C-alpha atoms as a PDB file:
ATOM      1  CA  UNK A   1     -24.625 -17.285  75.597  1.00  0.00           C
ATOM      2  CA  UNK A   2     -23.689 -15.761  72.256  1.00  0.00           C
ATOM      3  CA  UNK A   3     -23.403 -11.932  72.273  1.00  0.00           C
ATOM      4  CA  UNK A   4     -25.838 -10.118  70.036  1.00  0.00           C
ATOM      5  CA  UNK A   5     -24.267  -8.344  67.123  1.00  0.00           C
ATOM      6  CA  UNK A   6     -25.218  -4.711  66.632  1.00  0.00           C
ATOM      7  CA  UNK A   7     -27.963  -4.011  64.135  1.00  0.00           C
ATOM      8  CA  UNK A   8     -26.867  -2.987  60.694  1.00  0.00           C
ATOM      9  CA  UNK A   9     -28.790   0.130  59.773  1.00  0.00           C
ATOM     10  CA  UNK A  10     -29.038   2.358  56.737  1.00  0.00           C
ATOM     11  CA  UNK A  11     -30.512   5.811  56.316  1.00  0.00           C
ATOM     12  CA  UNK A  12     -32.490   6.604  53.190  1.00  0.00           C
ATOM     13  CA  UNK A  13     -30.609   9.631  51.886  1.00  0.00           C
ATOM     14  CA  UNK A  14     -32.687  10.188  48.775  1.00  0.00           C
ATOM     15  CA  UNK A  15     -34.940   8.514  46.250  1.00  0.00           C
ATOM     16  CA  UNK A  16     -34.148   8.921  42.576  1.00  0.00           C
ATOM     17  CA  UNK A  17     -36.771   7.483  40.234  1.00  0.00           C
ATOM     18  CA  UNK A  18     -36.847   3.753  41.048  1.00  0.00           C
ATOM     19  CA  UNK A  19     -33.632   3.733  43.125  1.00  0.00           C
ATOM     20  CA  UNK A  20     -33.080   4.501  46.795  1.00  0.00           C
ATOM     21  CA  UNK A  21     -29.711   5.910  47.828  1.00  0.00           C
ATOM     22  CA  UNK A  22     -28.855   4.585  51.282  1.00  0.00           C
ATOM     23  CA  UNK A  23     -26.062   5.619  53.626  1.00  0.00           C
ATOM     24  CA  UNK A  24     -24.501   2.602  55.344  1.00  0.00           C
ATOM     25  CA  UNK A  25     -21.496   3.165  57.612  1.00  0.00           C
ATOM     26  CA  UNK A  26     -20.792   6.475  55.884  1.00  0.00           C
ATOM     27  CA  UNK A  27     -20.924   5.014  52.366  1.00  0.00           C
ATOM     28  CA  UNK A  28     -23.637   5.487  49.769  1.00  0.00           C
ATOM     29  CA  UNK A  29     -25.192   2.372  48.274  1.00  0.00           C
ATOM     30  CA  UNK A  30     -28.163   2.048  45.962  1.00  0.00           C
ATOM     31  CA  UNK A  31     -31.033  -0.390  46.142  1.00  0.00           C
ATOM     32  CA  UNK A  32     -34.062  -0.773  43.919  1.00  0.00           C
ATOM     33  CA  UNK A  33     -36.911   1.111  45.562  1.00  0.00           C
ATOM     34  CA  UNK A  34     -39.146  -1.917  45.001  1.00  0.00           C
ATOM     35  CA  UNK A  35     -36.893  -3.994  47.313  1.00  0.00           C
ATOM     36  CA  UNK A  36     -37.578  -1.683  50.271  1.00  0.00           C
ATOM     37  CA  UNK A  37     -40.702  -1.469  52.434  1.00  0.00           C
ATOM     38  CA  UNK A  38     -43.694   0.185  50.811  1.00  0.00           C
ATOM     39  CA  UNK A  39     -43.987   3.830  51.800  1.00  0.00           C
ATOM     40  CA  UNK A  40     -40.292   4.232  52.711  1.00  0.00           C
ATOM     41  CA  UNK A  41     -39.193   7.848  52.457  1.00  0.00           C
ATOM     42  CA  UNK A  42     -36.126  10.017  52.689  1.00  0.00           C
ATOM     43  CA  UNK A  43     -34.773  10.177  56.232  1.00  0.00           C
ATOM     44  CA  UNK A  44     -36.106   6.769  57.269  1.00  0.00           C
ATOM     45  CA  UNK A  45     -33.716   4.446  59.102  1.00  0.00           C
ATOM     46  CA  UNK A  46     -33.843   0.851  57.897  1.00  0.00           C
ATOM     47  CA  UNK A  47     -32.820  -2.305  59.706  1.00  0.00           C
ATOM     48  CA  UNK A  48     -30.936  -4.088  56.922  1.00  0.00           C
ATOM     49  CA  UNK A  49     -31.469  -7.543  58.410  1.00  0.00           C
ATOM     50  CA  UNK A  50     -35.267  -7.344  58.443  1.00  0.00           C
ATOM     51  CA  UNK A  51     -35.596  -4.618  55.776  1.00  0.00           C
ATOM     52  CA  UNK A  52     -38.086  -2.813  57.983  1.00  0.00           C
ATOM     53  CA  UNK A  53     -38.196   0.853  58.937  1.00  0.00           C
ATOM     54  CA  UNK A  54     -36.841   1.319  62.461  1.00  0.00           C
ATOM     55  CA  UNK A  55     -39.414   3.869  63.656  1.00  0.00           C
ATOM     56  CA  UNK A  56     -37.621   4.640  66.923  1.00  0.00           C
ATOM     57  CA  UNK A  57     -34.274   5.287  65.214  1.00  0.00           C
ATOM     58  CA  UNK A  58     -36.007   7.334  62.495  1.00  0.00           C
ATOM     59  CA  UNK A  59     -37.712   9.592  65.044  1.00  0.00           C
ATOM     60  CA  UNK A  60     -34.438  10.001  66.977  1.00  0.00           C
ATOM     61  CA  UNK A  61     -32.612  10.992  63.783  1.00  0.00           C
ATOM     62  CA  UNK A  62     -35.329  13.467  62.816  1.00  0.00           C
ATOM     63  CA  UNK A  63     -35.208  15.039  66.289  1.00  0.00           C
ATOM     64  CA  UNK A  64     -31.403  15.336  66.053  1.00  0.00           C
ATOM     65  CA  UNK A  65     -31.641  17.023  62.627  1.00  0.00           C
ATOM     66  CA  UNK A  66     -34.358  19.367  63.897  1.00  0.00           C
ATOM     67  CA  UNK A  67     -32.212  20.384  66.875  1.00  0.00           C
ATOM     68  CA  UNK A  68     -29.260  21.029  64.553  1.00  0.00           C
ATOM     69  CA  UNK A  69     -31.471  23.203  62.342  1.00  0.00           C
ATOM     70  CA  UNK A  70     -32.632  25.197  65.351  1.00  0.00           C
ATOM     71  CA  UNK A  71     -29.038  25.752  66.508  1.00  0.00           C
ATOM     72  CA  UNK A  72     -28.017  26.837  63.007  1.00  0.00           C
ATOM     73  CA  UNK A  73     -30.906  29.298  62.847  1.00  0.00           C
ATOM     74  CA  UNK A  74     -29.753  30.791  66.151  1.00  0.00           C
ATOM     75  CA  UNK A  75     -26.235  31.184  64.782  1.00  0.00           C
ATOM     76  CA  UNK A  76     -24.711  28.520  66.996  1.00  0.00           C
ATOM     77  CA  UNK A  77     -22.293  25.935  65.717  1.00  0.00           C
ATOM     78  CA  UNK A  78     -24.087  22.779  64.578  1.00  0.00           C
ATOM     79  CA  UNK A  79     -22.881  19.398  65.816  1.00  0.00           C
ATOM     80  CA  UNK A  80     -20.223  17.608  63.761  1.00  0.00           C
ATOM     81  CA  UNK A  81     -21.399  15.404  60.932  1.00  0.00           C
ATOM     82  CA  UNK A  82     -23.651  15.705  57.917  1.00  0.00           C
ATOM     83  CA  UNK A  83     -27.207  16.961  58.060  1.00  0.00           C
ATOM     84  CA  UNK A  84     -29.626  18.750  55.740  1.00  0.00           C
ATOM     85  CA  UNK A  85     -30.708  22.319  56.347  1.00  0.00           C
END
């Protein structure tokens, strides 16, 4: 039985006019907004194979960012990595 390869995911970092800036493996890449699912928004996690929003991964990422914001507001050290305040 062939092992399943891990999903390739991207996070929508920002939308600029008709371009979406995605973060894939720590690198920024751009895609035409029209090539992504309708209604995609900043912070969504996309499965690059199916080009669909991964709702579960998106909610997990949003919860992680929210927890980091709460820690920062309490003056505690946020976790390593990039996140928006």
